[in-house]
Amino acid sequence: MDFDTSYLTTLSSQAVSNANASKLKSTLSGILDAGKGANGADVSSAEDAKLMDACKQFESYFVEQMYKQMMATVPEDPLDSGTNSTLVDYYKDNLVKEYASQTTEQEGLGLAKMLYEQMKRNIGQTPEEIDAKSEQAAIDSGAAAENVSSEES
């Protein structure tokens, strides 16, 4: 059976991405489970650091996937094909992962901070409570917008 090296590289890349996603998911579920204390919202500062780290890992993973999709739009160089293409793809994947990590650690997109703040607000709440708070916030912001427009008239 003859496999194309690009197919194997794609499978390998997908396996690494799936492994990263499952690791991130288990980290988040561990943090959320540990954070549910007697009052439902008791999270220690060590758990805060773990939560922020998990949010940064997610942002890094998101940026990595974004970079990979951007690189897919660039035409391949014919000189990169052949026996060295697998090695080039491997190092290219590692380079993209490192770029994503550095982007997140320096400034980032702000996604990690937003996720962290949102998760801190929602720790210990059921999905129904979160939905109810979101609906109430939307109603309140709509009422505030109506008050501002009526005052301007």
C-alpha atoms as a PDB file:
ATOM      1  CA  MET A   1       0.000   0.000   0.000  1.00  0.00           C
ATOM      2  CA  ASP A   2       1.482   3.333  -1.072  1.00  0.00           C
ATOM      3  CA  PHE A   3       0.663   6.414   1.027  1.00  0.00           C
ATOM      4  CA  ASP A   4       1.272   9.944  -0.092  1.00  0.00           C
ATOM      5  CA  THR A   5       3.580  11.732   2.395  1.00  0.00           C
ATOM      6  CA  SER A   6       1.355  14.823   2.429  1.00  0.00           C
ATOM      7  CA  TYR A   7      -1.565  12.635   3.512  1.00  0.00           C
ATOM      8  CA  LEU A   8       0.496  11.188   6.376  1.00  0.00           C
ATOM      9  CA  THR A   9       1.663  14.653   7.369  1.00  0.00           C
ATOM     10  CA  THR A  10      -1.936  15.873   7.424  1.00  0.00           C
ATOM     11  CA  LEU A  11      -2.996  12.933   9.577  1.00  0.00           C
ATOM     12  CA  SER A  12      -0.104  13.565  11.945  1.00  0.00           C
ATOM     13  CA  SER A  13      -0.955  17.265  12.195  1.00  0.00           C
ATOM     14  CA  GLN A  14      -4.606  16.471  12.908  1.00  0.00           C
ATOM     15  CA  ALA A  15      -3.624  13.963  15.592  1.00  0.00           C
ATOM     16  CA  VAL A  16      -1.437  16.566  17.320  1.00  0.00           C
ATOM     17  CA  SER A  17      -4.229  19.154  17.133  1.00  0.00           C
ATOM     18  CA  ASN A  18      -6.742  16.693  18.576  1.00  0.00           C
ATOM     19  CA  ALA A  19      -4.333  15.785  21.366  1.00  0.00           C
ATOM     20  CA  ASN A  20      -3.811  19.480  22.201  1.00  0.00           C
ATOM     21  CA  ALA A  21      -7.569  20.079  22.212  1.00  0.00           C
ATOM     22  CA  SER A  22      -8.278  17.110  24.485  1.00  0.00           C
ATOM     23  CA  LYS A  23      -5.482  18.158  26.880  1.00  0.00           C
ATOM     24  CA  LEU A  24      -6.964  21.649  27.069  1.00  0.00           C
ATOM     25  CA  LYS A  25     -10.449  20.235  27.642  1.00  0.00           C
ATOM     26  CA  SER A  26      -9.261  18.010  30.499  1.00  0.00           C
ATOM     27  CA  THR A  27      -7.391  20.937  32.092  1.00  0.00           C
ATOM     28  CA  LEU A  28     -10.491  23.115  31.992  1.00  0.00           C
ATOM     29  CA  SER A  29     -12.783  20.415  33.343  1.00  0.00           C
ATOM     30  CA  GLY A  30     -10.319  19.746  36.198  1.00  0.00           C
ATOM     31  CA  ILE A  31     -10.220  23.430  37.089  1.00  0.00           C
ATOM     32  CA  LEU A  32     -13.983  23.784  36.993  1.00  0.00           C
ATOM     33  CA  ASP A  33     -14.484  20.630  39.079  1.00  0.00           C
ATOM     34  CA  ALA A  34     -11.919  21.785  41.653  1.00  0.00           C
ATOM     35  CA  GLY A  35     -13.496  25.240  41.754  1.00  0.00           C
ATOM     36  CA  LYS A  36     -16.881  23.987  42.934  1.00  0.00           C
ATOM     37  CA  GLY A  37     -16.632  24.279  46.659  1.00  0.00           C
ATOM     38  CA  ALA A  38     -19.317  24.460  49.320  1.00  0.00           C
ATOM     39  CA  ASN A  39     -20.646  27.770  48.039  1.00  0.00           C
ATOM     40  CA  GLY A  40     -20.260  26.868  44.350  1.00  0.00           C
ATOM     41  CA  ALA A  41     -17.897  29.717  43.488  1.00  0.00           C
ATOM     42  CA  ASP A  42     -14.876  29.182  45.736  1.00  0.00           C
ATOM     43  CA  VAL A  43     -11.742  29.168  43.583  1.00  0.00           C
ATOM     44  CA  SER A  44      -8.296  29.563  45.114  1.00  0.00           C
ATOM     45  CA  SER A  45      -5.549  31.729  43.649  1.00  0.00           C
ATOM     46  CA  ALA A  46      -3.734  28.585  42.481  1.00  0.00           C
ATOM     47  CA  GLU A  47      -6.853  27.629  40.557  1.00  0.00           C
ATOM     48  CA  ASP A  48      -6.998  31.187  39.169  1.00  0.00           C
ATOM     49  CA  ALA A  49      -3.498  30.760  37.771  1.00  0.00           C
ATOM     50  CA  LYS A  50      -4.433  27.382  36.276  1.00  0.00           C
ATOM     51  CA  LEU A  51      -7.563  28.885  34.737  1.00  0.00           C
ATOM     52  CA  MET A  52      -5.600  31.763  33.191  1.00  0.00           C
ATOM     53  CA  ASP A  53      -3.019  29.280  31.890  1.00  0.00           C
ATOM     54  CA  ALA A  54      -5.764  27.180  30.322  1.00  0.00           C
ATOM     55  CA  CYS A  55      -7.264  30.281  28.707  1.00  0.00           C
ATOM     56  CA  LYS A  56      -3.853  31.204  27.295  1.00  0.00           C
ATOM     57  CA  GLN A  57      -3.440  27.652  25.993  1.00  0.00           C
ATOM     58  CA  PHE A  58      -6.793  27.958  24.244  1.00  0.00           C
ATOM     59  CA  GLU A  59      -5.849  31.304  22.722  1.00  0.00           C
ATOM     60  CA  SER A  60      -2.539  29.836  21.583  1.00  0.00           C
ATOM     61  CA  TYR A  61      -4.350  26.861  20.031  1.00  0.00           C
ATOM     62  CA  PHE A  62      -6.803  29.225  18.306  1.00  0.00           C
ATOM     63  CA  VAL A  63      -3.997  31.416  16.928  1.00  0.00           C
ATOM     64  CA  GLU A  64      -2.096  28.302  15.793  1.00  0.00           C
ATOM     65  CA  GLN A  65      -5.107  27.067  13.819  1.00  0.00           C
ATOM     66  CA  MET A  66      -5.557  30.539  12.349  1.00  0.00           C
ATOM     67  CA  TYR A  67      -1.899  30.650  11.246  1.00  0.00           C
ATOM     68  CA  LYS A  68      -2.181  27.181   9.692  1.00  0.00           C
ATOM     69  CA  GLN A  69      -5.215  28.251   7.694  1.00  0.00           C
ATOM     70  CA  MET A  70      -3.405  31.379   6.532  1.00  0.00           C
ATOM     71  CA  MET A  71      -0.394  29.298   5.470  1.00  0.00           C
ATOM     72  CA  ALA A  72      -2.679  26.979   3.502  1.00  0.00           C
ATOM     73  CA  THR A  73      -3.573  29.901   1.234  1.00  0.00           C
ATOM     74  CA  VAL A  74       0.059  30.417   0.199  1.00  0.00           C
ATOM     75  CA  PRO A  75       1.081  28.411  -2.877  1.00  0.00           C
ATOM     76  CA  GLU A  76       3.672  25.726  -2.180  1.00  0.00           C
ATOM     77  CA  ASP A  77       7.175  26.113  -3.527  1.00  0.00           C
ATOM     78  CA  PRO A  78       8.039  23.307  -5.978  1.00  0.00           C
ATOM     79  CA  LEU A  79      11.476  23.089  -4.361  1.00  0.00           C
ATOM     80  CA  ASP A  80       9.854  22.058  -1.058  1.00  0.00           C
ATOM     81  CA  SER A  81       8.421  18.874  -2.550  1.00  0.00           C
ATOM     82  CA  GLY A  82      10.201  15.556  -2.530  1.00  0.00           C
ATOM     83  CA  THR A  83      12.002  13.639   0.175  1.00  0.00           C
ATOM     84  CA  ASN A  84      12.514  16.633   2.449  1.00  0.00           C
ATOM     85  CA  SER A  85       8.886  17.771   2.360  1.00  0.00           C
ATOM     86  CA  THR A  86       7.915  15.720   5.424  1.00  0.00           C
ATOM     87  CA  LEU A  87      10.777  17.199   7.401  1.00  0.00           C
ATOM     88  CA  VAL A  88       9.930  20.710   6.192  1.00  0.00           C
ATOM     89  CA  ASP A  89       6.271  20.190   7.181  1.00  0.00           C
ATOM     90  CA  TYR A  90       7.293  18.985  10.625  1.00  0.00           C
ATOM     91  CA  TYR A  91       9.465  22.020  11.300  1.00  0.00           C
ATOM     92  CA  LYS A  92       6.881  24.319   9.769  1.00  0.00           C
ATOM     93  CA  ASP A  93       4.256  22.957  12.184  1.00  0.00           C
ATOM     94  CA  ASN A  94       6.611  23.466  15.121  1.00  0.00           C
ATOM     95  CA  LEU A  95       7.406  26.985  13.951  1.00  0.00           C
ATOM     96  CA  VAL A  96       3.713  27.850  13.662  1.00  0.00           C
ATOM     97  CA  LYS A  97       3.088  26.456  17.150  1.00  0.00           C
ATOM     98  CA  GLU A  98       5.945  28.547  18.555  1.00  0.00           C
ATOM     99  CA  TYR A  99       4.712  31.697  16.769  1.00  0.00           C
ATOM    100  CA  ALA A 100       1.242  31.124  18.220  1.00  0.00           C
ATOM    101  CA  SER A 101       2.681  30.644  21.706  1.00  0.00           C
ATOM    102  CA  GLN A 102       4.766  33.821  21.463  1.00  0.00           C
ATOM    103  CA  THR A 103       1.826  35.793  20.108  1.00  0.00           C
ATOM    104  CA  THR A 104      -0.280  34.732  23.074  1.00  0.00           C
ATOM    105  CA  GLU A 105       2.439  35.408  25.646  1.00  0.00           C
ATOM    106  CA  GLN A 106       3.298  38.875  24.343  1.00  0.00           C
ATOM    107  CA  GLU A 107       0.088  40.715  23.593  1.00  0.00           C
ATOM    108  CA  GLY A 108      -2.236  38.163  22.157  1.00  0.00           C
ATOM    109  CA  LEU A 109      -5.673  38.865  20.820  1.00  0.00           C
ATOM    110  CA  GLY A 110      -7.179  39.444  24.240  1.00  0.00           C
ATOM    111  CA  LEU A 111      -9.173  36.242  23.873  1.00  0.00           C
ATOM    112  CA  ALA A 112      -7.524  34.608  26.905  1.00  0.00           C
ATOM    113  CA  LYS A 113      -8.389  37.559  29.146  1.00  0.00           C
ATOM    114  CA  MET A 114     -12.009  37.638  27.968  1.00  0.00           C
ATOM    115  CA  LEU A 115     -12.373  33.881  28.450  1.00  0.00           C
ATOM    116  CA  TYR A 116     -10.827  34.097  31.913  1.00  0.00           C
ATOM    117  CA  GLU A 117     -13.166  36.882  33.025  1.00  0.00           C
ATOM    118  CA  GLN A 118     -16.204  35.103  31.591  1.00  0.00           C
ATOM    119  CA  MET A 119     -15.293  31.785  33.209  1.00  0.00           C
ATOM    120  CA  LYS A 120     -14.628  33.447  36.577  1.00  0.00           C
ATOM    121  CA  ARG A 121     -18.104  34.974  36.460  1.00  0.00           C
ATOM    122  CA  ASN A 122     -19.695  31.654  35.543  1.00  0.00           C
ATOM    123  CA  ILE A 123     -17.856  29.204  37.814  1.00  0.00           C
ATOM    124  CA  GLY A 124     -20.296  27.267  39.975  1.00  0.00           C
ATOM    125  CA  GLN A 125     -23.345  28.186  37.924  1.00  0.00           C
ATOM    126  CA  THR A 126     -25.522  25.883  35.883  1.00  0.00           C
ATOM    127  CA  PRO A 127     -25.941  26.524  32.144  1.00  0.00           C
ATOM    128  CA  GLU A 128     -29.540  27.582  32.807  1.00  0.00           C
ATOM    129  CA  GLU A 129     -28.411  30.241  35.307  1.00  0.00           C
ATOM    130  CA  ILE A 130     -25.817  31.517  32.839  1.00  0.00           C
ATOM    131  CA  ASP A 131     -28.426  31.731  30.063  1.00  0.00           C
ATOM    132  CA  ALA A 132     -30.855  33.554  32.357  1.00  0.00           C
ATOM    133  CA  LYS A 133     -28.153  36.098  33.310  1.00  0.00           C
ATOM    134  CA  SER A 134     -27.295  36.616  29.621  1.00  0.00           C
ATOM    135  CA  GLU A 135     -30.940  37.189  28.708  1.00  0.00           C
ATOM    136  CA  GLN A 136     -31.380  39.623  31.590  1.00  0.00           C
ATOM    137  CA  ALA A 137     -28.229  41.513  30.580  1.00  0.00           C
ATOM    138  CA  ALA A 138     -29.528  41.770  26.997  1.00  0.00           C
ATOM    139  CA  ILE A 139     -32.872  43.093  28.252  1.00  0.00           C
ATOM    140  CA  ASP A 140     -31.128  45.585  30.547  1.00  0.00           C
ATOM    141  CA  SER A 141     -28.825  46.838  27.790  1.00  0.00           C
ATOM    142  CA  GLY A 142     -31.800  47.208  25.441  1.00  0.00           C
ATOM    143  CA  ALA A 143     -33.688  49.232  28.044  1.00  0.00           C
ATOM    144  CA  ALA A 144     -30.623  51.409  28.647  1.00  0.00           C
ATOM    145  CA  ALA A 145     -30.288  52.027  24.917  1.00  0.00           C
ATOM    146  CA  GLU A 146     -33.959  53.056  24.714  1.00  0.00           C
ATOM    147  CA  ASN A 147     -33.491  55.481  27.632  1.00  0.00           C
ATOM    148  CA  VAL A 148     -30.477  57.083  25.951  1.00  0.00           C
ATOM    149  CA  SER A 149     -32.307  57.482  22.626  1.00  0.00           C
ATOM    150  CA  SER A 150     -35.405  58.957  24.311  1.00  0.00           C
ATOM    151  CA  GLU A 151     -33.221  61.439  26.260  1.00  0.00           C
ATOM    152  CA  GLU A 152     -31.507  62.550  23.045  1.00  0.00           C
ATOM    153  CA  SER A 153     -34.870  63.277  21.366  1.00  0.00           C
END
